[in-house]
PDB file of all heavy atoms in Angstrom:
ATOM      1  N   LEU A   1       0.822  -1.202   0.000  1.00  0.00           N
ATOM      2  CA  LEU A   1       0.000   0.000   0.000  1.00  0.00           C
ATOM      3  C   LEU A   1       0.857   1.252   0.000  1.00  0.00           C
ATOM      4  O   LEU A   1       1.894   1.302   0.663  1.00  0.00           O
ATOM      5  CB  LEU A   1      -0.930   0.033   1.223  1.00  0.00           C
ATOM      6  CG  LEU A   1      -1.856  -1.161   1.440  1.00  0.00           C
ATOM      7  CD1 LEU A   1      -2.719  -0.927   2.676  1.00  0.00           C
ATOM      8  CD2 LEU A   1      -2.737  -1.428   0.224  1.00  0.00           C
ATOM      9  N   THR A   2       0.406   2.257  -0.742  1.00  0.00           N
ATOM     10  CA  THR A   2       1.052   3.561  -0.666  1.00  0.00           C
ATOM     11  C   THR A   2       0.657   4.244   0.641  1.00  0.00           C
ATOM     12  O   THR A   2      -0.212   3.768   1.383  1.00  0.00           O
ATOM     13  CB  THR A   2       0.621   4.448  -1.836  1.00  0.00           C
ATOM     14  OG1 THR A   2      -0.780   4.742  -1.700  1.00  0.00           O
ATOM     15  CG2 THR A   2       0.866   3.776  -3.176  1.00  0.00           C
ATOM     16  N   LYS A   3       1.284   5.383   0.902  1.00  0.00           N
ATOM     17  CA  LYS A   3       0.935   6.150   2.096  1.00  0.00           C
ATOM     18  C   LYS A   3      -0.548   6.495   2.096  1.00  0.00           C
ATOM     19  O   LYS A   3      -1.245   6.320   3.107  1.00  0.00           O
ATOM     20  CB  LYS A   3       1.774   7.423   2.160  1.00  0.00           C
ATOM     21  CG  LYS A   3       1.269   8.439   3.170  1.00  0.00           C
ATOM     22  CD  LYS A   3       1.947   9.785   3.002  1.00  0.00           C
ATOM     23  CE  LYS A   3       1.229  10.873   3.805  1.00  0.00           C
ATOM     24  NZ  LYS A   3       1.835  12.204   3.600  1.00  0.00           N
ATOM     25  N   THR A   4      -1.047   7.010   0.972  1.00  0.00           N
ATOM     26  CA  THR A   4      -2.451   7.438   0.942  1.00  0.00           C
ATOM     27  C   THR A   4      -3.392   6.240   1.022  1.00  0.00           C
ATOM     28  O   THR A   4      -4.455   6.330   1.636  1.00  0.00           O
ATOM     29  CB  THR A   4      -2.735   8.257  -0.322  1.00  0.00           C
ATOM     30  OG1 THR A   4      -2.328   7.525  -1.479  1.00  0.00           O
ATOM     31  CG2 THR A   4      -1.997   9.580  -0.291  1.00  0.00           C
ATOM     32  N   GLN A   5      -3.019   5.115   0.414  1.00  0.00           N
ATOM     33  CA  GLN A   5      -3.852   3.920   0.514  1.00  0.00           C
ATOM     34  C   GLN A   5      -3.845   3.365   1.932  1.00  0.00           C
ATOM     35  O   GLN A   5      -4.850   2.814   2.397  1.00  0.00           O
ATOM     36  CB  GLN A   5      -3.375   2.875  -0.496  1.00  0.00           C
ATOM     37  CG  GLN A   5      -3.646   3.277  -1.941  1.00  0.00           C
ATOM     38  CD  GLN A   5      -2.870   2.449  -2.941  1.00  0.00           C
ATOM     39  OE1 GLN A   5      -2.030   1.618  -2.577  1.00  0.00           O
ATOM     40  NE2 GLN A   5      -3.137   2.655  -4.223  1.00  0.00           N
ATOM     41  N   SER A   6      -2.735   3.518   2.633  1.00  0.00           N
ATOM     42  CA  SER A   6      -2.681   3.118   4.042  1.00  0.00           C
ATOM     43  C   SER A   6      -3.624   3.977   4.873  1.00  0.00           C
ATOM     44  O   SER A   6      -4.321   3.475   5.769  1.00  0.00           O
ATOM     45  CB  SER A   6      -1.248   3.245   4.567  1.00  0.00           C
ATOM     46  OG  SER A   6      -0.386   2.318   3.938  1.00  0.00           O
ATOM     47  N   GLN A   7      -3.646   5.268   4.600  1.00  0.00           N
ATOM     48  CA  GLN A   7      -4.600   6.142   5.275  1.00  0.00           C
ATOM     49  C   GLN A   7      -6.030   5.701   4.997  1.00  0.00           C
ATOM     50  O   GLN A   7      -6.884   5.720   5.896  1.00  0.00           O
ATOM     51  CB  GLN A   7      -4.409   7.586   4.810  1.00  0.00           C
ATOM     52  CG  GLN A   7      -3.148   8.249   5.310  1.00  0.00           C
ATOM     53  CD  GLN A   7      -2.989   9.653   4.773  1.00  0.00           C
ATOM     54  OE1 GLN A   7      -3.526  10.003   3.722  1.00  0.00           O
ATOM     55  NE2 GLN A   7      -2.250  10.480   5.500  1.00  0.00           N
ATOM     56  N   THR A   8      -6.273   5.262   3.770  1.00  0.00           N
ATOM     57  CA  THR A   8      -7.621   4.831   3.406  1.00  0.00           C
ATOM     58  C   THR A   8      -8.032   3.595   4.179  1.00  0.00           C
ATOM     59  O   THR A   8      -9.157   3.512   4.684  1.00  0.00           O
ATOM     60  CB  THR A   8      -7.703   4.565   1.894  1.00  0.00           C
ATOM     61  OG1 THR A   8      -7.481   5.789   1.195  1.00  0.00           O
ATOM     62  CG2 THR A   8      -9.058   4.005   1.504  1.00  0.00           C
ATOM     63  N   GLN A   9      -7.137   2.602   4.289  1.00  0.00           N
ATOM     64  CA  GLN A   9      -7.506   1.427   5.077  1.00  0.00           C
ATOM     65  C   GLN A   9      -7.798   1.811   6.517  1.00  0.00           C
ATOM     66  O   GLN A   9      -8.801   1.370   7.101  1.00  0.00           O
ATOM     67  CB  GLN A   9      -6.428   0.344   5.040  1.00  0.00           C
ATOM     68  CG  GLN A   9      -6.962  -0.943   5.684  1.00  0.00           C
ATOM     69  CD  GLN A   9      -5.941  -2.016   5.906  1.00  0.00           C
ATOM     70  OE1 GLN A   9      -4.728  -1.771   5.953  1.00  0.00           O
ATOM     71  NE2 GLN A   9      -6.407  -3.251   6.069  1.00  0.00           N
ATOM     72  N   MET A  10      -6.955   2.643   7.108  1.00  0.00           N
ATOM     73  CA  MET A  10      -7.171   3.068   8.494  1.00  0.00           C
ATOM     74  C   MET A  10      -8.499   3.805   8.623  1.00  0.00           C
ATOM     75  O   MET A  10      -9.265   3.572   9.575  1.00  0.00           O
ATOM     76  CB  MET A  10      -6.018   3.965   8.935  1.00  0.00           C
ATOM     77  CG  MET A  10      -6.039   4.325  10.410  1.00  0.00           C
ATOM     78  SD  MET A  10      -5.623   2.929  11.468  1.00  0.00           S
ATOM     79  CE  MET A  10      -5.703   3.700  13.086  1.00  0.00           C
ATOM     80  N   ALA A  11      -8.783   4.677   7.673  1.00  0.00           N
ATOM     81  CA  ALA A  11     -10.027   5.455   7.717  1.00  0.00           C
ATOM     82  C   ALA A  11     -11.252   4.560   7.616  1.00  0.00           C
ATOM     83  O   ALA A  11     -12.195   4.684   8.406  1.00  0.00           O
ATOM     84  CB  ALA A  11     -10.034   6.492   6.596  1.00  0.00           C
ATOM     85  N   MET A  12     -11.250   3.637   6.659  1.00  0.00           N
ATOM     86  CA  MET A  12     -12.447   2.820   6.449  1.00  0.00           C
ATOM     87  C   MET A  12     -12.672   1.857   7.612  1.00  0.00           C
ATOM     88  O   MET A  12     -13.806   1.641   8.032  1.00  0.00           O
ATOM     89  CB  MET A  12     -12.335   2.058   5.124  1.00  0.00           C
ATOM     90  CG  MET A  12     -12.314   2.963   3.892  1.00  0.00           C
ATOM     91  SD  MET A  12     -13.615   4.219   3.865  1.00  0.00           S
ATOM     92  CE  MET A  12     -15.085   3.209   4.026  1.00  0.00           C
ATOM     93  N   TRP A  13     -11.594   1.271   8.122  1.00  0.00           N
ATOM     94  CA  TRP A  13     -11.757   0.363   9.274  1.00  0.00           C
ATOM     95  C   TRP A  13     -12.306   1.141  10.486  1.00  0.00           C
ATOM     96  O   TRP A  13     -13.125   0.634  11.237  1.00  0.00           O
ATOM     97  CB  TRP A  13     -10.433  -0.294   9.602  1.00  0.00           C
ATOM     98  CG  TRP A  13     -10.140  -1.614   8.940  1.00  0.00           C
ATOM     99  CD1 TRP A  13      -9.763  -2.751   9.583  1.00  0.00           C
ATOM    100  CD2 TRP A  13     -10.174  -1.954   7.541  1.00  0.00           C
ATOM    101  NE1 TRP A  13      -9.539  -3.774   8.674  1.00  0.00           N
ATOM    102  CE2 TRP A  13      -9.794  -3.310   7.415  1.00  0.00           C
ATOM    103  CE3 TRP A  13     -10.489  -1.250   6.375  1.00  0.00           C
ATOM    104  CZ2 TRP A  13      -9.725  -3.968   6.184  1.00  0.00           C
ATOM    105  CZ3 TRP A  13     -10.412  -1.892   5.147  1.00  0.00           C
ATOM    106  CH2 TRP A  13     -10.041  -3.229   5.053  1.00  0.00           C
ATOM    107  N   ALA A  14     -11.865   2.396  10.622  1.00  0.00           N
ATOM    108  CA  ALA A  14     -12.386   3.232  11.704  1.00  0.00           C
ATOM    109  C   ALA A  14     -13.847   3.590  11.460  1.00  0.00           C
ATOM    110  O   ALA A  14     -14.662   3.594  12.396  1.00  0.00           O
ATOM    111  CB  ALA A  14     -11.549   4.496  11.850  1.00  0.00           C
ATOM    112  N   MET A  15     -14.199   3.887  10.233  1.00  0.00           N
ATOM    113  CA  MET A  15     -15.573   4.245   9.904  1.00  0.00           C
ATOM    114  C   MET A  15     -16.539   3.099  10.190  1.00  0.00           C
ATOM    115  O   MET A  15     -17.674   3.309  10.605  1.00  0.00           O
ATOM    116  CB  MET A  15     -15.673   4.665   8.441  1.00  0.00           C
ATOM    117  CG  MET A  15     -14.978   5.977   8.098  1.00  0.00           C
ATOM    118  SD  MET A  15     -15.791   7.429   8.812  1.00  0.00           S
ATOM    119  CE  MET A  15     -17.252   7.549   7.775  1.00  0.00           C
ATOM    120  N   TRP A  16     -16.085   1.876   9.972  1.00  0.00           N
ATOM    121  CA  TRP A  16     -16.945   0.714  10.209  1.00  0.00           C
ATOM    122  C   TRP A  16     -16.954   0.269  11.671  1.00  0.00           C
ATOM    123  O   TRP A  16     -17.621  -0.722  12.003  1.00  0.00           O
ATOM    124  CB  TRP A  16     -16.470  -0.468   9.356  1.00  0.00           C
ATOM    125  CG  TRP A  16     -16.571  -0.256   7.879  1.00  0.00           C
ATOM    126  CD1 TRP A  16     -17.527   0.450   7.207  1.00  0.00           C
ATOM    127  CD2 TRP A  16     -15.680  -0.763   6.879  1.00  0.00           C
ATOM    128  NE1 TRP A  16     -17.276   0.415   5.854  1.00  0.00           N
ATOM    129  CE2 TRP A  16     -16.159  -0.315   5.622  1.00  0.00           C
ATOM    130  CE3 TRP A  16     -14.525  -1.541   6.921  1.00  0.00           C
ATOM    131  CZ2 TRP A  16     -15.521  -0.632   4.425  1.00  0.00           C
ATOM    132  CZ3 TRP A  16     -13.892  -1.860   5.740  1.00  0.00           C
ATOM    133  CH2 TRP A  16     -14.387  -1.416   4.504  1.00  0.00           C
ATOM    134  N   SER A  17     -16.209   0.918  12.542  1.00  0.00           N
ATOM    135  CA  SER A  17     -16.026   0.440  13.922  1.00  0.00           C
ATOM    136  C   SER A  17     -15.478  -0.979  13.930  1.00  0.00           C
ATOM    137  O   SER A  17     -15.893  -1.841  14.707  1.00  0.00           O
ATOM    138  CB  SER A  17     -17.353   0.492  14.698  1.00  0.00           C
ATOM    139  OG  SER A  17     -17.853   1.802  14.772  1.00  0.00           O
ATOM    140  N   SER A  18     -14.513  -1.228  13.062  1.00  0.00           N
ATOM    141  CA  SER A  18     -13.931  -2.560  12.936  1.00  0.00           C
ATOM    142  C   SER A  18     -12.836  -2.785  13.973  1.00  0.00           C
ATOM    143  O   SER A  18     -12.192  -1.830  14.418  1.00  0.00           O
ATOM    144  CB  SER A  18     -13.307  -2.733  11.547  1.00  0.00           C
ATOM    145  OG  SER A  18     -14.260  -2.574  10.533  1.00  0.00           O
ATOM    146  N   PRO A  19     -12.577  -4.043  14.327  1.00  0.00           N
ATOM    147  CA  PRO A  19     -11.385  -4.333  15.116  1.00  0.00           C
ATOM    148  C   PRO A  19     -10.142  -3.818  14.389  1.00  0.00           C
ATOM    149  O   PRO A  19     -10.042  -3.921  13.163  1.00  0.00           O
ATOM    150  CB  PRO A  19     -11.389  -5.865  15.206  1.00  0.00           C
ATOM    151  CG  PRO A  19     -12.845  -6.232  15.076  1.00  0.00           C
ATOM    152  CD  PRO A  19     -13.402  -5.242  14.092  1.00  0.00           C
ATOM    153  N   LEU A  20      -9.198  -3.275  15.128  1.00  0.00           N
ATOM    154  CA  LEU A  20      -7.954  -2.759  14.558  1.00  0.00           C
ATOM    155  C   LEU A  20      -6.800  -3.650  15.009  1.00  0.00           C
ATOM    156  O   LEU A  20      -6.196  -3.426  16.057  1.00  0.00           O
ATOM    157  CB  LEU A  20      -7.706  -1.309  14.995  1.00  0.00           C
ATOM    158  CG  LEU A  20      -8.765  -0.273  14.602  1.00  0.00           C
ATOM    159  CD1 LEU A  20      -8.355   1.115  15.094  1.00  0.00           C
ATOM    160  CD2 LEU A  20      -8.999  -0.267  13.092  1.00  0.00           C
ATOM    161  N   TYR A  21      -6.538  -4.685  14.219  1.00  0.00           N
ATOM    162  CA  TYR A  21      -5.420  -5.577  14.488  1.00  0.00           C
ATOM    163  C   TYR A  21      -4.353  -5.358  13.425  1.00  0.00           C
ATOM    164  O   TYR A  21      -4.540  -5.712  12.258  1.00  0.00           O
ATOM    165  CB  TYR A  21      -5.856  -7.038  14.471  1.00  0.00           C
ATOM    166  CG  TYR A  21      -6.566  -7.494  15.725  1.00  0.00           C
ATOM    167  CD1 TYR A  21      -7.945  -7.735  15.739  1.00  0.00           C
ATOM    168  CD2 TYR A  21      -5.852  -7.702  16.895  1.00  0.00           C
ATOM    169  CE1 TYR A  21      -8.580  -8.150  16.883  1.00  0.00           C
ATOM    170  CE2 TYR A  21      -6.488  -8.131  18.062  1.00  0.00           C
ATOM    171  CZ  TYR A  21      -7.860  -8.349  18.042  1.00  0.00           C
ATOM    172  OH  TYR A  21      -8.482  -8.764  19.185  1.00  0.00           O
ATOM    173  N   MET A  22      -3.247  -4.757  13.807  1.00  0.00           N
ATOM    174  CA  MET A  22      -2.122  -4.595  12.892  1.00  0.00           C
ATOM    175  C   MET A  22      -1.493  -5.953  12.615  1.00  0.00           C
ATOM    176  O   MET A  22      -1.478  -6.835  13.470  1.00  0.00           O
ATOM    177  CB  MET A  22      -1.063  -3.685  13.502  1.00  0.00           C
ATOM    178  CG  MET A  22      -1.542  -2.334  13.943  1.00  0.00           C
ATOM    179  SD  MET A  22      -0.216  -1.374  14.754  1.00  0.00           S
ATOM    180  CE  MET A  22      -0.066  -2.250  16.333  1.00  0.00           C
ATOM    181  N   SER A  23      -0.936  -6.114  11.400  1.00  0.00           N
ATOM    182  CA  SER A  23      -0.104  -7.268  11.100  1.00  0.00           C
ATOM    183  C   SER A  23       1.087  -6.756  10.303  1.00  0.00           C
ATOM    184  O   SER A  23       1.028  -6.626   9.081  1.00  0.00           O
ATOM    185  CB  SER A  23      -0.874  -8.335  10.322  1.00  0.00           C
ATOM    186  OG  SER A  23      -0.119  -9.527  10.237  1.00  0.00           O
ATOM    187  N   ASN A  24       2.161  -6.426  11.009  1.00  0.00           N
ATOM    188  CA  ASN A  24       3.313  -5.775  10.397  1.00  0.00           C
ATOM    189  C   ASN A  24       4.542  -6.042  11.257  1.00  0.00           C
ATOM    190  O   ASN A  24       4.466  -6.706  12.290  1.00  0.00           O
ATOM    191  CB  ASN A  24       3.062  -4.264  10.245  1.00  0.00           C
ATOM    192  CG  ASN A  24       2.572  -3.620  11.546  1.00  0.00           C
ATOM    193  OD1 ASN A  24       2.780  -4.153  12.645  1.00  0.00           O
ATOM    194  ND2 ASN A  24       1.906  -2.491  11.449  1.00  0.00           N
ATOM    195  N   ASP A  25       5.683  -5.525  10.797  1.00  0.00           N
ATOM    196  CA  ASP A  25       6.918  -5.656  11.559  1.00  0.00           C
ATOM    197  C   ASP A  25       7.104  -4.385  12.375  1.00  0.00           C
ATOM    198  O   ASP A  25       7.601  -3.379  11.868  1.00  0.00           O
ATOM    199  CB  ASP A  25       8.093  -5.874  10.605  1.00  0.00           C
ATOM    200  CG  ASP A  25       9.421  -6.048  11.337  1.00  0.00           C
ATOM    201  OD1 ASP A  25       9.428  -5.971  12.584  1.00  0.00           O
ATOM    202  OD2 ASP A  25      10.438  -6.242  10.659  1.00  0.00           O
ATOM    203  N   LEU A  26       6.719  -4.430  13.616  1.00  0.00           N
ATOM    204  CA  LEU A  26       6.787  -3.231  14.458  1.00  0.00           C
ATOM    205  C   LEU A  26       8.221  -2.782  14.712  1.00  0.00           C
ATOM    206  O   LEU A  26       8.451  -1.613  15.023  1.00  0.00           O
ATOM    207  CB  LEU A  26       6.081  -3.491  15.794  1.00  0.00           C
ATOM    208  CG  LEU A  26       4.560  -3.607  15.757  1.00  0.00           C
ATOM    209  CD1 LEU A  26       4.031  -3.910  17.153  1.00  0.00           C
ATOM    210  CD2 LEU A  26       3.911  -2.348  15.211  1.00  0.00           C
ATOM    211  N   SER A  27       9.168  -3.682  14.548  1.00  0.00           N
ATOM    212  CA  SER A  27      10.564  -3.311  14.801  1.00  0.00           C
ATOM    213  C   SER A  27      11.165  -2.513  13.648  1.00  0.00           C
ATOM    214  O   SER A  27      12.228  -1.899  13.803  1.00  0.00           O
ATOM    215  CB  SER A  27      11.413  -4.555  15.058  1.00  0.00           C
ATOM    216  OG  SER A  27      11.480  -5.378  13.908  1.00  0.00           O
ATOM    217  N   ASN A  28      10.519  -2.535  12.487  1.00  0.00           N
ATOM    218  CA  ASN A  28      11.007  -1.783  11.332  1.00  0.00           C
ATOM    219  C   ASN A  28       9.901  -0.925  10.721  1.00  0.00           C
ATOM    220  O   ASN A  28       9.841  -0.751   9.505  1.00  0.00           O
ATOM    221  CB  ASN A  28      11.563  -2.739  10.269  1.00  0.00           C
ATOM    222  CG  ASN A  28      12.876  -3.364  10.690  1.00  0.00           C
ATOM    223  OD1 ASN A  28      13.876  -2.673  10.835  1.00  0.00           O
ATOM    224  ND2 ASN A  28      12.862  -4.676  10.916  1.00  0.00           N
ATOM    225  N   LEU A  29       9.047  -0.398  11.558  1.00  0.00           N
ATOM    226  CA  LEU A  29       7.917   0.398  11.073  1.00  0.00           C
ATOM    227  C   LEU A  29       8.384   1.812  10.756  1.00  0.00           C
ATOM    228  O   LEU A  29       8.994   2.484  11.598  1.00  0.00           O
ATOM    229  CB  LEU A  29       6.824   0.426  12.144  1.00  0.00           C
ATOM    230  CG  LEU A  29       5.458   0.972  11.737  1.00  0.00           C
ATOM    231  CD1 LEU A  29       4.820   0.070  10.686  1.00  0.00           C
ATOM    232  CD2 LEU A  29       4.546   1.077  12.960  1.00  0.00           C
ATOM    233  N   ASP A  30       8.110   2.261   9.531  1.00  0.00           N
ATOM    234  CA  ASP A  30       8.513   3.614   9.162  1.00  0.00           C
ATOM    235  C   ASP A  30       7.646   4.638   9.884  1.00  0.00           C
ATOM    236  O   ASP A  30       6.518   4.347  10.317  1.00  0.00           O
ATOM    237  CB  ASP A  30       8.403   3.808   7.641  1.00  0.00           C
ATOM    238  CG  ASP A  30       6.985   3.686   7.142  1.00  0.00           C
ATOM    239  OD1 ASP A  30       6.507   2.543   6.959  1.00  0.00           O
ATOM    240  OD2 ASP A  30       6.330   4.728   6.946  1.00  0.00           O
ATOM    241  N   GLU A  31       8.148   5.839  10.014  1.00  0.00           N
ATOM    242  CA  GLU A  31       7.484   6.871  10.799  1.00  0.00           C
ATOM    243  C   GLU A  31       6.130   7.256  10.222  1.00  0.00           C
ATOM    244  O   GLU A  31       5.190   7.548  10.967  1.00  0.00           O
ATOM    245  CB  GLU A  31       8.379   8.107  10.923  1.00  0.00           C
ATOM    246  CG  GLU A  31       9.521   7.931  11.908  1.00  0.00           C
ATOM    247  CD  GLU A  31       9.047   7.578  13.314  1.00  0.00           C
ATOM    248  OE1 GLU A  31       8.101   8.234  13.805  1.00  0.00           O
ATOM    249  OE2 GLU A  31       9.616   6.655  13.915  1.00  0.00           O
ATOM    250  N   GLU A  32       6.005   7.266   8.894  1.00  0.00           N
ATOM    251  CA  GLU A  32       4.728   7.639   8.287  1.00  0.00           C
ATOM    252  C   GLU A  32       3.645   6.612   8.619  1.00  0.00           C
ATOM    253  O   GLU A  32       2.509   6.956   8.940  1.00  0.00           O
ATOM    254  CB  GLU A  32       4.871   7.774   6.773  1.00  0.00           C
ATOM    255  CG  GLU A  32       3.696   8.457   6.095  1.00  0.00           C
ATOM    256  CD  GLU A  32       3.421   9.851   6.633  1.00  0.00           C
ATOM    257  OE1 GLU A  32       4.323  10.705   6.574  1.00  0.00           O
ATOM    258  OE2 GLU A  32       2.287  10.077   7.121  1.00  0.00           O
ATOM    259  N   SER A  33       3.999   5.321   8.555  1.00  0.00           N
ATOM    260  CA  SER A  33       3.037   4.275   8.902  1.00  0.00           C
ATOM    261  C   SER A  33       2.665   4.341  10.377  1.00  0.00           C
ATOM    262  O   SER A  33       1.499   4.181  10.751  1.00  0.00           O
ATOM    263  CB  SER A  33       3.614   2.893   8.569  1.00  0.00           C
ATOM    264  OG  SER A  33       3.809   2.744   7.180  1.00  0.00           O
ATOM    265  N   LYS A  34       3.667   4.572  11.223  1.00  0.00           N
ATOM    266  CA  LYS A  34       3.401   4.702  12.655  1.00  0.00           C
ATOM    267  C   LYS A  34       2.452   5.873  12.916  1.00  0.00           C
ATOM    268  O   LYS A  34       1.528   5.768  13.736  1.00  0.00           O
ATOM    269  CB  LYS A  34       4.715   4.897  13.401  1.00  0.00           C
ATOM    270  CG  LYS A  34       4.552   5.017  14.913  1.00  0.00           C
ATOM    271  CD  LYS A  34       5.908   5.182  15.598  1.00  0.00           C
ATOM    272  CE  LYS A  34       5.745   5.367  17.102  1.00  0.00           C
ATOM    273  NZ  LYS A  34       7.053   5.548  17.787  1.00  0.00           N
ATOM    274  N   LYS A  35       2.657   6.966  12.222  1.00  0.00           N
ATOM    275  CA  LYS A  35       1.794   8.139  12.395  1.00  0.00           C
ATOM    276  C   LYS A  35       0.351   7.819  12.019  1.00  0.00           C
ATOM    277  O   LYS A  35      -0.596   8.247  12.695  1.00  0.00           O
ATOM    278  CB  LYS A  35       2.330   9.292  11.540  1.00  0.00           C
ATOM    279  CG  LYS A  35       1.543  10.593  11.668  1.00  0.00           C
ATOM    280  CD  LYS A  35       2.168  11.680  10.809  1.00  0.00           C
ATOM    281  CE  LYS A  35       1.375  12.983  10.904  1.00  0.00           C
ATOM    282  NZ  LYS A  35       1.968  14.045  10.032  1.00  0.00           N
ATOM    283  N   ILE A  36       0.169   7.061  10.947  1.00  0.00           N
ATOM    284  CA  ILE A  36      -1.186   6.680  10.529  1.00  0.00           C
ATOM    285  C   ILE A  36      -1.835   5.781  11.582  1.00  0.00           C
ATOM    286  O   ILE A  36      -2.978   5.993  11.986  1.00  0.00           O
ATOM    287  CB  ILE A  36      -1.139   5.972   9.161  1.00  0.00           C
ATOM    288  CG1 ILE A  36      -0.701   6.949   8.063  1.00  0.00           C
ATOM    289  CG2 ILE A  36      -2.508   5.374   8.812  1.00  0.00           C
ATOM    290  CD1 ILE A  36      -0.360   6.287   6.743  1.00  0.00           C
ATOM    291  N   LEU A  37      -1.105   4.771  12.027  1.00  0.00           N
ATOM    292  CA  LEU A  37      -1.649   3.810  12.985  1.00  0.00           C
ATOM    293  C   LEU A  37      -1.906   4.434  14.359  1.00  0.00           C
ATOM    294  O   LEU A  37      -2.759   3.956  15.107  1.00  0.00           O
ATOM    295  CB  LEU A  37      -0.689   2.632  13.135  1.00  0.00           C
ATOM    296  CG  LEU A  37      -0.600   1.706  11.917  1.00  0.00           C
ATOM    297  CD1 LEU A  37       0.644   0.849  11.988  1.00  0.00           C
ATOM    298  CD2 LEU A  37      -1.846   0.842  11.810  1.00  0.00           C
ATOM    299  N   GLN A  38      -1.179   5.508  14.671  1.00  0.00           N
ATOM    300  CA  GLN A  38      -1.327   6.146  15.976  1.00  0.00           C
ATOM    301  C   GLN A  38      -2.111   7.454  15.906  1.00  0.00           C
ATOM    302  O   GLN A  38      -2.067   8.244  16.851  1.00  0.00           O
ATOM    303  CB  GLN A  38       0.055   6.393  16.588  1.00  0.00           C
ATOM    304  CG  GLN A  38       0.789   5.118  16.934  1.00  0.00           C
ATOM    305  CD  GLN A  38       2.002   5.348  17.811  1.00  0.00           C
ATOM    306  OE1 GLN A  38       2.462   6.468  18.020  1.00  0.00           O
ATOM    307  NE2 GLN A  38       2.545   4.267  18.365  1.00  0.00           N
ATOM    308  N   ASN A  39      -2.854   7.646  14.843  1.00  0.00           N
ATOM    309  CA  ASN A  39      -3.655   8.863  14.701  1.00  0.00           C
ATOM    310  C   ASN A  39      -4.792   8.843  15.728  1.00  0.00           C
ATOM    311  O   ASN A  39      -5.758   8.089  15.610  1.00  0.00           O
ATOM    312  CB  ASN A  39      -4.217   8.948  13.285  1.00  0.00           C
ATOM    313  CG  ASN A  39      -4.911  10.257  13.003  1.00  0.00           C
ATOM    314  OD1 ASN A  39      -5.751  10.720  13.775  1.00  0.00           O
ATOM    315  ND2 ASN A  39      -4.586  10.873  11.874  1.00  0.00           N
ATOM    316  N   LYS A  40      -4.668   9.672  16.746  1.00  0.00           N
ATOM    317  CA  LYS A  40      -5.618   9.645  17.858  1.00  0.00           C
ATOM    318  C   LYS A  40      -7.033  10.011  17.428  1.00  0.00           C
ATOM    319  O   LYS A  40      -8.010   9.461  17.955  1.00  0.00           O
ATOM    320  CB  LYS A  40      -5.150  10.589  18.968  1.00  0.00           C
ATOM    321  CG  LYS A  40      -3.860  10.158  19.653  1.00  0.00           C
ATOM    322  CD  LYS A  40      -3.448  11.142  20.737  1.00  0.00           C
ATOM    323  CE  LYS A  40      -2.155  10.710  21.410  1.00  0.00           C
ATOM    324  NZ  LYS A  40      -1.733  11.670  22.472  1.00  0.00           N
ATOM    325  N   LYS A  41      -7.153  10.936  16.501  1.00  0.00           N
ATOM    326  CA  LYS A  41      -8.487  11.357  16.078  1.00  0.00           C
ATOM    327  C   LYS A  41      -9.193  10.248  15.306  1.00  0.00           C
ATOM    328  O   LYS A  41     -10.406  10.034  15.466  1.00  0.00           O
ATOM    329  CB  LYS A  41      -8.383  12.623  15.233  1.00  0.00           C
ATOM    330  CG  LYS A  41      -7.945  13.851  16.010  1.00  0.00           C
ATOM    331  CD  LYS A  41      -7.907  15.079  15.112  1.00  0.00           C
ATOM    332  CE  LYS A  41      -7.506  16.323  15.893  1.00  0.00           C
ATOM    333  NZ  LYS A  41      -7.481  17.542  15.027  1.00  0.00           N
ATOM    334  N   VAL A  42      -8.455   9.519  14.462  1.00  0.00           N
ATOM    335  CA  VAL A  42      -9.058   8.407  13.715  1.00  0.00           C
ATOM    336  C   VAL A  42      -9.396   7.267  14.667  1.00  0.00           C
ATOM    337  O   VAL A  42     -10.461   6.642  14.554  1.00  0.00           O
ATOM    338  CB  VAL A  42      -8.118   7.950  12.591  1.00  0.00           C
ATOM    339  CG1 VAL A  42      -8.711   6.747  11.861  1.00  0.00           C
ATOM    340  CG2 VAL A  42      -7.870   9.088  11.601  1.00  0.00           C
TER     341      VAL A  42
END
């Protein structure tokens, strides 16, 4: 996923009140992805 497509997945899962289970390598997570996943407002 691109940065904007990652934002889209986060947005839609939030809109549906879906469970938010990440499946990624947290030890090598880039800052942009971390920012999306930790967006407090979303």
